Amino acid sequence: MRLIRQDKRIVTINILFAVFGALAFFVSSEHSFALEFAADRVTRSDQQMRHQRVFYRDDMWRMEHNAPGAVNVTIVRKDQNLVWHLLPATRHFKTMVFSADYALMITAHLNGELSRNIIGSQTLDGHPTTLYEVTVREPGGGTAAYYQWLATDINFPLKLAKKNGDWAVEYRHVRIGRISDILFELPRSYLPLDPR
């Protein structure tokens, strides 16, 4: 009789450990899929090249522009549905509503993806990549074809280019790791450009 009770206790304890172990696995897995990185971003469109330094975490990112102009930094807070354009020369900022135009396109699968075919492999910025031809449905109802270089060692899309050559974006010097909260906050000394 005592042996049966002890066996039931051991089974109960083992079940509890299994449940807590599974919960710990799912919680840690959830956090391990969160993407945090810093990288140089180069975009080419309309025969123009744009360079930015990007800091990204979940639904927020910061773009430091390497081009002359009033706006030197853009902070996107998709989690708050807003965008701040910082003007360091005057210590002002402009607030905009978030739109898809600010998206970085850093997911392995593209929005509206219809098909994906492997073309080959290539080393890009020191990372082994698989090169895909991807067809997507566009918002207007037509389709567009892209080339995508997906880094196999860090599971990150290093380059995306329209097949017709009109547009391309490339990430270089990608560093996966923790990004400071301060990069996604509005500087306290800045004033709104259009006070309400």
N, C-alpha and C. Protein backbone atom coordinates (compact mmCIF):
# COMPACT_ATOMS: atom_id res chain seq x y z
N MET A 1 0.83 -1.20 0.00
CA MET A 1 0.00 0.00 0.00
C MET A 1 0.87 1.26 0.00
N ARG A 2 1.91 1.31 0.89
CA ARG A 2 2.81 2.46 0.92
C ARG A 2 3.55 2.61 -0.40
N LEU A 3 3.95 1.50 -0.99
CA LEU A 3 4.68 1.50 -2.25
C LEU A 3 3.83 2.12 -3.35
N ILE A 4 2.55 1.81 -3.40
CA ILE A 4 1.65 2.36 -4.41
C ILE A 4 1.53 3.87 -4.23
N ARG A 5 1.37 4.34 -2.97
CA ARG A 5 1.27 5.78 -2.71
C ARG A 5 2.56 6.50 -3.12
N GLN A 6 3.72 5.89 -2.78
CA GLN A 6 4.98 6.50 -3.17
C GLN A 6 5.11 6.55 -4.69
N ASP A 7 4.69 5.48 -5.37
CA ASP A 7 4.75 5.46 -6.84
C ASP A 7 3.87 6.55 -7.43
N LYS A 8 2.67 6.77 -6.84
CA LYS A 8 1.77 7.81 -7.33
C LYS A 8 2.39 9.19 -7.13
N ARG A 9 3.04 9.40 -5.99
CA ARG A 9 3.71 10.68 -5.73
C ARG A 9 4.83 10.91 -6.73
N ILE A 10 5.61 9.89 -6.98
CA ILE A 10 6.72 10.01 -7.94
C ILE A 10 6.18 10.33 -9.33
N VAL A 11 5.11 9.65 -9.73
CA VAL A 11 4.50 9.90 -11.04
C VAL A 11 3.97 11.33 -11.09
N THR A 12 3.29 11.77 -10.01
CA THR A 12 2.75 13.13 -9.97
C THR A 12 3.88 14.16 -10.07
N ILE A 13 4.95 13.94 -9.31
CA ILE A 13 6.09 14.87 -9.35
C ILE A 13 6.71 14.89 -10.74
N ASN A 14 6.86 13.72 -11.35
CA ASN A 14 7.43 13.65 -12.71
C ASN A 14 6.55 14.38 -13.72
N ILE A 15 5.23 14.25 -13.57
CA ILE A 15 4.31 14.96 -14.47
C ILE A 15 4.46 16.47 -14.29
N LEU A 16 4.53 16.93 -13.02
CA LEU A 16 4.70 18.35 -12.77
C LEU A 16 6.00 18.88 -13.37
N PHE A 17 7.11 18.12 -13.21
CA PHE A 17 8.38 18.54 -13.82
C PHE A 17 8.26 18.60 -15.33
N ALA A 18 7.57 17.65 -15.93
CA ALA A 18 7.40 17.64 -17.38
C ALA A 18 6.60 18.86 -17.85
N VAL A 19 5.52 19.17 -17.10
CA VAL A 19 4.70 20.33 -17.47
C VAL A 19 5.50 21.62 -17.34
N PHE A 20 6.20 21.79 -16.20
CA PHE A 20 7.00 23.01 -16.02
C PHE A 20 8.14 23.09 -17.03
N GLY A 21 8.72 21.94 -17.36
CA GLY A 21 9.78 21.91 -18.37
C GLY A 21 9.25 22.33 -19.73
N ALA A 22 8.07 21.84 -20.10
CA ALA A 22 7.47 22.21 -21.38
C ALA A 22 7.15 23.70 -21.41
N LEU A 23 6.59 24.23 -20.29
CA LEU A 23 6.30 25.66 -20.23
C LEU A 23 7.56 26.50 -20.36
N ALA A 24 8.61 26.08 -19.67
CA ALA A 24 9.88 26.82 -19.75
C ALA A 24 10.42 26.79 -21.17
N PHE A 25 10.28 25.66 -21.86
CA PHE A 25 10.75 25.55 -23.24
C PHE A 25 9.99 26.51 -24.14
N PHE A 26 8.65 26.53 -24.02
CA PHE A 26 7.86 27.41 -24.88
C PHE A 26 8.13 28.88 -24.59
N VAL A 27 8.30 29.23 -23.33
CA VAL A 27 8.59 30.62 -22.99
C VAL A 27 9.95 31.02 -23.55
N SER A 28 10.97 30.18 -23.36
CA SER A 28 12.29 30.52 -23.87
C SER A 28 12.31 30.48 -25.38
N SER A 29 11.54 29.59 -26.01
CA SER A 29 11.48 29.53 -27.46
C SER A 29 10.86 30.79 -28.01
N GLU A 30 9.82 31.28 -27.33
CA GLU A 30 9.15 32.49 -27.79
C GLU A 30 10.13 33.66 -27.82
N HIS A 31 10.97 33.77 -26.78
CA HIS A 31 11.92 34.86 -26.73
C HIS A 31 13.07 34.65 -27.70
N SER A 32 13.41 33.40 -27.99
CA SER A 32 14.53 33.16 -28.90
C SER A 32 14.16 33.52 -30.33
N PHE A 33 12.87 33.59 -30.67
CA PHE A 33 12.47 33.94 -32.02
C PHE A 33 12.35 35.45 -32.20
N ALA A 34 12.41 36.23 -31.12
CA ALA A 34 12.36 37.68 -31.23
C ALA A 34 13.66 38.12 -31.91
N LEU A 35 13.53 39.01 -32.88
CA LEU A 35 14.68 39.43 -33.66
C LEU A 35 15.17 40.79 -33.17
N GLU A 36 16.45 40.87 -32.85
CA GLU A 36 17.10 42.13 -32.50
C GLU A 36 18.40 42.18 -33.27
N PHE A 37 18.62 43.29 -33.99
CA PHE A 37 19.85 43.38 -34.77
C PHE A 37 20.21 44.83 -35.06
N ALA A 38 21.46 45.02 -35.45
CA ALA A 38 21.95 46.29 -35.99
C ALA A 38 22.61 45.97 -37.31
N ALA A 39 22.46 46.86 -38.30
CA ALA A 39 23.03 46.59 -39.62
C ALA A 39 23.11 47.89 -40.43
N ASP A 40 23.94 47.84 -41.46
CA ASP A 40 23.95 48.91 -42.45
C ASP A 40 22.95 48.50 -43.53
N ARG A 41 22.12 49.45 -43.94
CA ARG A 41 21.08 49.18 -44.94
C ARG A 41 21.34 50.06 -46.16
N VAL A 42 21.40 49.42 -47.32
CA VAL A 42 21.62 50.15 -48.57
C VAL A 42 20.41 49.88 -49.47
N THR A 43 19.75 50.97 -49.88
CA THR A 43 18.61 50.84 -50.79
C THR A 43 18.96 51.51 -52.12
N ARG A 44 18.51 50.87 -53.19
CA ARG A 44 18.72 51.43 -54.52
C ARG A 44 17.38 51.50 -55.22
N SER A 45 17.00 52.70 -55.65
CA SER A 45 15.78 52.87 -56.44
C SER A 45 15.90 54.16 -57.24
N ASP A 46 15.31 54.18 -58.41
CA ASP A 46 15.36 55.36 -59.27
C ASP A 46 16.79 55.87 -59.46
N GLN A 47 17.72 54.93 -59.64
CA GLN A 47 19.14 55.27 -59.86
C GLN A 47 19.77 56.01 -58.69
N GLN A 48 19.17 55.94 -57.50
CA GLN A 48 19.74 56.57 -56.31
C GLN A 48 20.07 55.52 -55.26
N MET A 49 21.17 55.75 -54.56
CA MET A 49 21.57 54.87 -53.46
C MET A 49 21.35 55.62 -52.15
N ARG A 50 20.76 54.93 -51.16
CA ARG A 50 20.57 55.51 -49.84
C ARG A 50 21.21 54.60 -48.81
N HIS A 51 21.95 55.19 -47.88
CA HIS A 51 22.63 54.42 -46.83
C HIS A 51 22.04 54.80 -45.49
N GLN A 52 21.79 53.79 -44.66
CA GLN A 52 21.25 54.01 -43.32
C GLN A 52 21.88 53.00 -42.37
N ARG A 53 21.95 53.38 -41.11
CA ARG A 53 22.30 52.44 -40.05
C ARG A 53 20.98 52.11 -39.36
N VAL A 54 20.67 50.81 -39.24
CA VAL A 54 19.38 50.37 -38.70
C VAL A 54 19.59 49.62 -37.39
N PHE A 55 18.76 49.94 -36.41
CA PHE A 55 18.69 49.22 -35.15
C PHE A 55 17.25 48.72 -35.03
N TYR A 56 17.07 47.42 -34.82
CA TYR A 56 15.73 46.84 -34.89
C TYR A 56 15.45 45.94 -33.69
N ARG A 57 14.23 46.06 -33.17
CA ARG A 57 13.75 45.12 -32.16
C ARG A 57 12.23 45.05 -32.24
N ASP A 58 11.71 43.86 -32.47
CA ASP A 58 10.27 43.59 -32.49
C ASP A 58 9.53 44.60 -33.37
N ASP A 59 8.65 45.38 -32.77
CA ASP A 59 7.83 46.33 -33.53
C ASP A 59 8.36 47.76 -33.45
N MET A 60 9.68 47.90 -33.33
CA MET A 60 10.28 49.23 -33.30
C MET A 60 11.64 49.18 -33.96
N TRP A 61 11.97 50.25 -34.68
CA TRP A 61 13.28 50.34 -35.29
C TRP A 61 13.71 51.78 -35.45
N ARG A 62 15.01 51.96 -35.56
CA ARG A 62 15.63 53.27 -35.68
C ARG A 62 16.49 53.27 -36.94
N MET A 63 16.35 54.31 -37.76
CA MET A 63 17.15 54.45 -38.97
C MET A 63 17.94 55.75 -38.89
N GLU A 64 19.25 55.64 -38.89
CA GLU A 64 20.13 56.80 -38.90
C GLU A 64 20.57 57.03 -40.34
N HIS A 65 20.14 58.13 -40.92
CA HIS A 65 20.35 58.39 -42.34
C HIS A 65 21.74 58.96 -42.59
N ASN A 66 22.39 58.43 -43.60
CA ASN A 66 23.72 58.90 -43.97
C ASN A 66 23.60 59.70 -45.27
N ALA A 67 22.84 60.78 -45.19
CA ALA A 67 22.61 61.63 -46.36
C ALA A 67 22.34 63.04 -45.88
N PRO A 68 22.71 64.04 -46.67
CA PRO A 68 22.40 65.41 -46.26
C PRO A 68 20.90 65.64 -46.24
N GLY A 69 20.45 66.43 -45.29
CA GLY A 69 19.03 66.72 -45.17
C GLY A 69 18.68 67.08 -43.75
N ALA A 70 17.47 67.58 -43.57
CA ALA A 70 17.04 68.01 -42.24
C ALA A 70 16.86 66.83 -41.29
N VAL A 71 16.29 65.73 -41.79
CA VAL A 71 16.01 64.56 -40.94
C VAL A 71 17.24 63.66 -40.93
N ASN A 72 17.83 63.47 -39.76
CA ASN A 72 18.99 62.60 -39.63
C ASN A 72 18.63 61.24 -39.05
N VAL A 73 17.53 61.19 -38.29
CA VAL A 73 17.13 59.96 -37.62
C VAL A 73 15.62 59.79 -37.73
N THR A 74 15.19 58.56 -38.01
CA THR A 74 13.78 58.21 -38.00
C THR A 74 13.60 57.08 -37.00
N ILE A 75 12.69 57.26 -36.06
CA ILE A 75 12.36 56.21 -35.09
C ILE A 75 10.94 55.74 -35.39
N VAL A 76 10.82 54.46 -35.71
CA VAL A 76 9.52 53.87 -36.03
C VAL A 76 9.05 53.07 -34.83
N ARG A 77 7.86 53.41 -34.34
CA ARG A 77 7.25 52.69 -33.23
C ARG A 77 5.94 52.10 -33.72
N LYS A 78 6.04 50.97 -34.41
CA LYS A 78 4.85 50.30 -34.91
C LYS A 78 3.95 49.90 -33.74
N ASP A 79 4.55 49.60 -32.58
CA ASP A 79 3.77 49.23 -31.40
C ASP A 79 2.87 50.37 -30.92
N GLN A 80 3.23 51.61 -31.27
CA GLN A 80 2.43 52.78 -30.89
C GLN A 80 1.77 53.44 -32.11
N ASN A 81 1.97 52.83 -33.28
CA ASN A 81 1.39 53.32 -34.54
C ASN A 81 1.86 54.74 -34.88
N LEU A 82 3.15 55.02 -34.59
CA LEU A 82 3.67 56.34 -34.91
C LEU A 82 5.13 56.28 -35.35
N VAL A 83 5.56 57.40 -35.95
CA VAL A 83 6.93 57.55 -36.43
C VAL A 83 7.41 58.94 -36.02
N TRP A 84 8.65 59.01 -35.52
CA TRP A 84 9.25 60.30 -35.18
C TRP A 84 10.38 60.57 -36.15
N HIS A 85 10.37 61.73 -36.77
CA HIS A 85 11.49 62.20 -37.59
C HIS A 85 12.23 63.24 -36.75
N LEU A 86 13.49 62.97 -36.44
CA LEU A 86 14.29 63.86 -35.61
C LEU A 86 15.10 64.83 -36.47
N LEU A 87 15.09 66.09 -36.09
CA LEU A 87 15.85 67.13 -36.77
C LEU A 87 16.88 67.67 -35.79
N PRO A 88 18.07 67.07 -35.72
CA PRO A 88 19.06 67.45 -34.72
C PRO A 88 19.53 68.90 -34.81
N ALA A 89 19.54 69.47 -36.01
CA ALA A 89 20.03 70.85 -36.16
C ALA A 89 19.21 71.85 -35.33
N THR A 90 17.92 71.58 -35.19
CA THR A 90 17.04 72.48 -34.42
C THR A 90 16.50 71.84 -33.15
N ARG A 91 16.86 70.59 -32.91
CA ARG A 91 16.37 69.82 -31.75
C ARG A 91 14.84 69.76 -31.73
N HIS A 92 14.27 69.49 -32.91
CA HIS A 92 12.83 69.32 -33.05
C HIS A 92 12.54 67.93 -33.59
N PHE A 93 11.27 67.54 -33.48
CA PHE A 93 10.84 66.28 -34.08
C PHE A 93 9.46 66.47 -34.70
N LYS A 94 9.20 65.65 -35.69
CA LYS A 94 7.90 65.65 -36.38
C LYS A 94 7.29 64.27 -36.16
N THR A 95 6.04 64.21 -35.74
CA THR A 95 5.35 62.94 -35.51
C THR A 95 4.45 62.63 -36.69
N MET A 96 4.54 61.40 -37.18
CA MET A 96 3.72 60.92 -38.29
C MET A 96 3.01 59.64 -37.85
N VAL A 97 1.95 59.29 -38.57
CA VAL A 97 1.26 58.02 -38.33
C VAL A 97 2.01 56.93 -39.07
N PHE A 98 2.17 55.78 -38.43
CA PHE A 98 2.86 54.66 -39.07
C PHE A 98 2.10 54.19 -40.30
N SER A 99 2.85 53.88 -41.35
CA SER A 99 2.27 53.27 -42.55
C SER A 99 3.23 52.19 -43.05
N ALA A 100 2.75 51.36 -43.95
CA ALA A 100 3.55 50.25 -44.48
C ALA A 100 4.78 50.73 -45.23
N ASP A 101 4.80 52.01 -45.62
CA ASP A 101 5.97 52.56 -46.32
C ASP A 101 7.24 52.49 -45.47
N TYR A 102 7.08 52.43 -44.16
CA TYR A 102 8.23 52.39 -43.26
C TYR A 102 8.72 50.96 -43.00
N ALA A 103 8.05 49.96 -43.53
CA ALA A 103 8.42 48.56 -43.27
C ALA A 103 9.80 48.26 -43.83
N LEU A 104 10.55 47.40 -43.14
CA LEU A 104 11.91 47.08 -43.54
C LEU A 104 12.03 45.83 -44.41
N MET A 105 10.99 45.04 -44.50
CA MET A 105 10.99 43.79 -45.28
C MET A 105 12.14 42.87 -44.85
N ILE A 106 12.09 42.44 -43.59
CA ILE A 106 13.16 41.59 -43.05
C ILE A 106 12.67 40.20 -42.67
N THR A 107 11.51 39.82 -43.19
CA THR A 107 11.02 38.47 -42.91
C THR A 107 11.44 37.54 -44.05
N ALA A 108 11.57 36.27 -43.72
CA ALA A 108 11.97 35.29 -44.74
C ALA A 108 10.91 35.17 -45.83
N HIS A 109 9.63 35.21 -45.43
CA HIS A 109 8.54 35.13 -46.41
C HIS A 109 7.97 36.52 -46.65
N LEU A 110 7.66 36.81 -47.91
CA LEU A 110 7.17 38.13 -48.28
C LEU A 110 5.66 38.19 -48.22
N ASN A 111 5.12 39.38 -47.99
CA ASN A 111 3.67 39.55 -47.98
C ASN A 111 3.10 39.21 -49.36
N GLY A 112 2.02 38.45 -49.38
CA GLY A 112 1.38 38.08 -50.64
C GLY A 112 2.16 37.06 -51.45
N GLU A 113 3.05 36.33 -50.80
CA GLU A 113 3.89 35.37 -51.53
C GLU A 113 3.05 34.27 -52.18
N LEU A 114 3.30 34.06 -53.48
CA LEU A 114 2.58 33.03 -54.24
C LEU A 114 3.45 31.82 -54.52
N SER A 115 4.72 32.05 -54.84
CA SER A 115 5.64 30.94 -55.12
C SER A 115 7.06 31.33 -54.76
N ARG A 116 7.86 30.29 -54.53
CA ARG A 116 9.27 30.48 -54.14
C ARG A 116 10.07 29.34 -54.74
N ASN A 117 11.09 29.67 -55.52
CA ASN A 117 11.93 28.65 -56.15
C ASN A 117 13.40 28.93 -55.85
N ILE A 118 14.12 27.87 -55.49
CA ILE A 118 15.56 28.01 -55.22
C ILE A 118 16.29 28.13 -56.55
N ILE A 119 17.15 29.15 -56.63
CA ILE A 119 17.96 29.36 -57.84
C ILE A 119 19.37 28.82 -57.62
N GLY A 120 19.88 29.01 -56.42
CA GLY A 120 21.23 28.55 -56.12
C GLY A 120 21.68 29.04 -54.77
N SER A 121 23.00 29.09 -54.58
CA SER A 121 23.56 29.57 -53.32
C SER A 121 24.70 30.53 -53.64
N GLN A 122 24.97 31.40 -52.68
CA GLN A 122 25.98 32.42 -52.88
C GLN A 122 26.43 32.92 -51.51
N THR A 123 27.66 33.38 -51.41
CA THR A 123 28.14 34.00 -50.18
C THR A 123 27.95 35.51 -50.33
N LEU A 124 27.29 36.10 -49.34
CA LEU A 124 27.00 37.54 -49.37
C LEU A 124 27.41 38.14 -48.04
N ASP A 125 28.29 39.12 -48.06
CA ASP A 125 28.77 39.79 -46.86
C ASP A 125 29.31 38.78 -45.83
N GLY A 126 29.94 37.73 -46.33
CA GLY A 126 30.53 36.71 -45.47
C GLY A 126 29.57 35.64 -44.97
N HIS A 127 28.31 35.69 -45.38
CA HIS A 127 27.30 34.72 -44.94
C HIS A 127 26.91 33.81 -46.11
N PRO A 128 26.77 32.50 -45.84
CA PRO A 128 26.24 31.62 -46.89
C PRO A 128 24.75 31.90 -47.07
N THR A 129 24.30 32.05 -48.31
CA THR A 129 22.89 32.35 -48.57
C THR A 129 22.31 31.38 -49.58
N THR A 130 21.00 31.22 -49.49
CA THR A 130 20.24 30.53 -50.52
C THR A 130 19.54 31.62 -51.32
N LEU A 131 19.68 31.56 -52.64
CA LEU A 131 19.07 32.56 -53.51
C LEU A 131 17.75 32.02 -54.04
N TYR A 132 16.68 32.79 -53.84
CA TYR A 132 15.34 32.40 -54.26
C TYR A 132 14.80 33.38 -55.30
N GLU A 133 13.94 32.87 -56.16
CA GLU A 133 13.08 33.72 -56.98
C GLU A 133 11.70 33.62 -56.37
N VAL A 134 11.14 34.76 -55.97
CA VAL A 134 9.86 34.78 -55.25
C VAL A 134 8.86 35.61 -56.04
N THR A 135 7.66 35.06 -56.21
CA THR A 135 6.58 35.79 -56.86
C THR A 135 5.55 36.16 -55.81
N VAL A 136 5.15 37.44 -55.82
CA VAL A 136 4.17 37.93 -54.84
C VAL A 136 3.00 38.59 -55.55
N ARG A 137 1.86 38.58 -54.87
CA ARG A 137 0.70 39.32 -55.36
C ARG A 137 0.78 40.73 -54.82
N GLU A 138 0.65 41.70 -55.71
CA GLU A 138 0.73 43.10 -55.32
C GLU A 138 -0.63 43.61 -54.90
N PRO A 139 -0.66 44.70 -54.11
CA PRO A 139 -1.94 45.24 -53.63
C PRO A 139 -2.93 45.55 -54.75
N GLY A 140 -2.46 45.95 -55.93
CA GLY A 140 -3.35 46.28 -57.04
C GLY A 140 -3.92 45.07 -57.75
N GLY A 141 -3.45 43.88 -57.39
CA GLY A 141 -3.97 42.66 -58.00
C GLY A 141 -3.01 41.98 -58.95
N GLY A 142 -1.97 42.69 -59.40
CA GLY A 142 -0.99 42.08 -60.29
C GLY A 142 0.03 41.27 -59.50
N THR A 143 1.09 40.84 -60.17
CA THR A 143 2.15 40.09 -59.50
C THR A 143 3.49 40.76 -59.77
N ALA A 144 4.45 40.49 -58.91
CA ALA A 144 5.82 40.99 -59.07
C ALA A 144 6.78 39.88 -58.69
N ALA A 145 7.94 39.87 -59.33
CA ALA A 145 8.96 38.85 -59.07
C ALA A 145 10.15 39.50 -58.39
N TYR A 146 10.70 38.82 -57.39
CA TYR A 146 11.85 39.30 -56.62
C TYR A 146 12.91 38.22 -56.56
N TYR A 147 14.15 38.65 -56.32
CA TYR A 147 15.22 37.76 -55.92
C TYR A 147 15.47 38.02 -54.44
N GLN A 148 15.63 36.95 -53.68
CA GLN A 148 15.89 37.09 -52.24
C GLN A 148 17.08 36.22 -51.86
N TRP A 149 18.04 36.83 -51.16
CA TRP A 149 19.21 36.12 -50.64
C TRP A 149 18.98 35.93 -49.14
N LEU A 150 18.71 34.70 -48.73
CA LEU A 150 18.42 34.39 -47.33
C LEU A 150 19.64 33.74 -46.69
N ALA A 151 20.23 34.42 -45.70
CA ALA A 151 21.42 33.88 -45.02
C ALA A 151 21.04 32.65 -44.21
N THR A 152 21.69 31.53 -44.49
CA THR A 152 21.33 30.27 -43.83
C THR A 152 21.91 30.15 -42.43
N ASP A 153 22.99 30.90 -42.14
CA ASP A 153 23.61 30.79 -40.82
C ASP A 153 22.88 31.63 -39.76
N ILE A 154 22.25 32.74 -40.18
CA ILE A 154 21.55 33.59 -39.22
C ILE A 154 20.05 33.72 -39.54
N ASN A 155 19.59 33.00 -40.57
CA ASN A 155 18.18 33.01 -40.98
C ASN A 155 17.67 34.44 -41.16
N PHE A 156 18.40 35.18 -42.00
CA PHE A 156 18.10 36.60 -42.19
C PHE A 156 18.16 36.94 -43.68
N PRO A 157 17.17 37.68 -44.20
CA PRO A 157 17.20 38.06 -45.62
C PRO A 157 18.18 39.22 -45.85
N LEU A 158 19.37 38.91 -46.32
CA LEU A 158 20.41 39.92 -46.49
C LEU A 158 20.15 40.84 -47.67
N LYS A 159 19.46 40.32 -48.69
CA LYS A 159 19.22 41.16 -49.86
C LYS A 159 17.90 40.78 -50.51
N LEU A 160 17.20 41.79 -51.02
CA LEU A 160 15.94 41.60 -51.74
C LEU A 160 15.97 42.57 -52.92
N ALA A 161 15.72 42.05 -54.11
CA ALA A 161 15.76 42.90 -55.30
C ALA A 161 14.63 42.52 -56.23
N LYS A 162 14.01 43.54 -56.83
CA LYS A 162 13.00 43.27 -57.85
C LYS A 162 13.69 42.64 -59.05
N LYS A 163 13.07 41.66 -59.64
CA LYS A 163 13.67 40.93 -60.76
C LYS A 163 13.93 41.86 -61.94
N ASN A 164 13.09 42.88 -62.13
CA ASN A 164 13.27 43.80 -63.24
C ASN A 164 14.36 44.84 -62.99
N GLY A 165 14.97 44.84 -61.80
CA GLY A 165 16.09 45.73 -61.50
C GLY A 165 15.71 47.12 -61.03
N ASP A 166 14.41 47.39 -60.84
CA ASP A 166 13.95 48.73 -60.43
C ASP A 166 14.33 49.10 -59.00
N TRP A 167 14.45 48.11 -58.12
CA TRP A 167 14.58 48.39 -56.69
C TRP A 167 15.35 47.27 -56.01
N ALA A 168 16.15 47.61 -54.99
CA ALA A 168 16.87 46.60 -54.21
C ALA A 168 17.17 47.15 -52.82
N VAL A 169 17.21 46.26 -51.85
CA VAL A 169 17.63 46.62 -50.49
C VAL A 169 18.59 45.53 -50.01
N GLU A 170 19.67 45.98 -49.35
CA GLU A 170 20.68 45.03 -48.89
C GLU A 170 21.12 45.41 -47.48
N TYR A 171 21.30 44.40 -46.63
CA TYR A 171 21.78 44.60 -45.26
C TYR A 171 23.21 44.09 -45.18
N ARG A 172 24.08 44.93 -44.64
CA ARG A 172 25.49 44.57 -44.51
C ARG A 172 25.92 44.71 -43.06
N HIS A 173 26.94 43.96 -42.69
CA HIS A 173 27.49 44.00 -41.33
C HIS A 173 26.40 43.76 -40.29
N VAL A 174 25.59 42.75 -40.50
CA VAL A 174 24.49 42.43 -39.59
C VAL A 174 25.05 41.88 -38.29
N ARG A 175 24.61 42.47 -37.18
CA ARG A 175 25.00 41.99 -35.86
C ARG A 175 23.73 41.66 -35.08
N ILE A 176 23.48 40.38 -34.89
CA ILE A 176 22.32 39.92 -34.14
C ILE A 176 22.65 40.03 -32.66
N GLY A 177 21.78 40.66 -31.89
CA GLY A 177 22.02 40.78 -30.46
C GLY A 177 21.15 41.86 -29.84
N ARG A 178 21.28 42.01 -28.55
CA ARG A 178 20.45 42.92 -27.77
C ARG A 178 20.66 44.37 -28.20
N ILE A 179 19.56 45.11 -28.35
CA ILE A 179 19.58 46.52 -28.72
C ILE A 179 18.99 47.32 -27.55
N SER A 180 19.66 48.41 -27.21
CA SER A 180 19.27 49.23 -26.06
C SER A 180 17.92 49.92 -26.29
N ASP A 181 17.11 50.00 -25.23
CA ASP A 181 15.81 50.68 -25.27
C ASP A 181 15.95 52.15 -25.66
N ILE A 182 17.02 52.78 -25.26
CA ILE A 182 17.18 54.23 -25.45
C ILE A 182 17.15 54.61 -26.94
N LEU A 183 17.54 53.70 -27.80
CA LEU A 183 17.56 54.00 -29.24
C LEU A 183 16.16 54.20 -29.81
N PHE A 184 15.15 53.70 -29.12
CA PHE A 184 13.78 53.77 -29.64
C PHE A 184 12.93 54.81 -28.89
N GLU A 185 13.59 55.63 -28.07
CA GLU A 185 12.88 56.65 -27.31
C GLU A 185 13.12 58.02 -27.92
N LEU A 186 12.18 58.90 -27.72
CA LEU A 186 12.29 60.28 -28.18
C LEU A 186 13.22 61.03 -27.23
N PRO A 187 14.25 61.73 -27.75
CA PRO A 187 15.14 62.48 -26.85
C PRO A 187 14.36 63.54 -26.06
N ARG A 188 14.63 63.65 -24.78
CA ARG A 188 13.86 64.56 -23.92
C ARG A 188 14.07 66.03 -24.27
N SER A 189 15.22 66.36 -24.81
CA SER A 189 15.52 67.77 -25.11
C SER A 189 14.88 68.24 -26.42
N TYR A 190 14.25 67.33 -27.16
CA TYR A 190 13.63 67.70 -28.44
C TYR A 190 12.21 68.23 -28.24
N LEU A 191 11.83 69.20 -29.07
CA LEU A 191 10.49 69.78 -29.00
C LEU A 191 9.72 69.44 -30.25
N PRO A 192 8.39 69.35 -30.15
CA PRO A 192 7.59 69.04 -31.35
C PRO A 192 7.65 70.19 -32.36
N LEU A 193 7.74 69.83 -33.61
CA LEU A 193 7.80 70.83 -34.68
C LEU A 193 6.46 71.53 -34.86
N ASP A 194 5.40 70.77 -34.61
CA ASP A 194 4.04 71.33 -34.72
C ASP A 194 3.33 71.16 -33.39
N PRO A 195 3.61 72.00 -32.40
CA PRO A 195 2.98 71.84 -31.08
C PRO A 195 1.47 71.95 -31.18
N ARG A 196 0.79 71.11 -30.37
CA ARG A 196 -0.68 71.07 -30.43
C ARG A 196 -1.28 71.87 -29.32
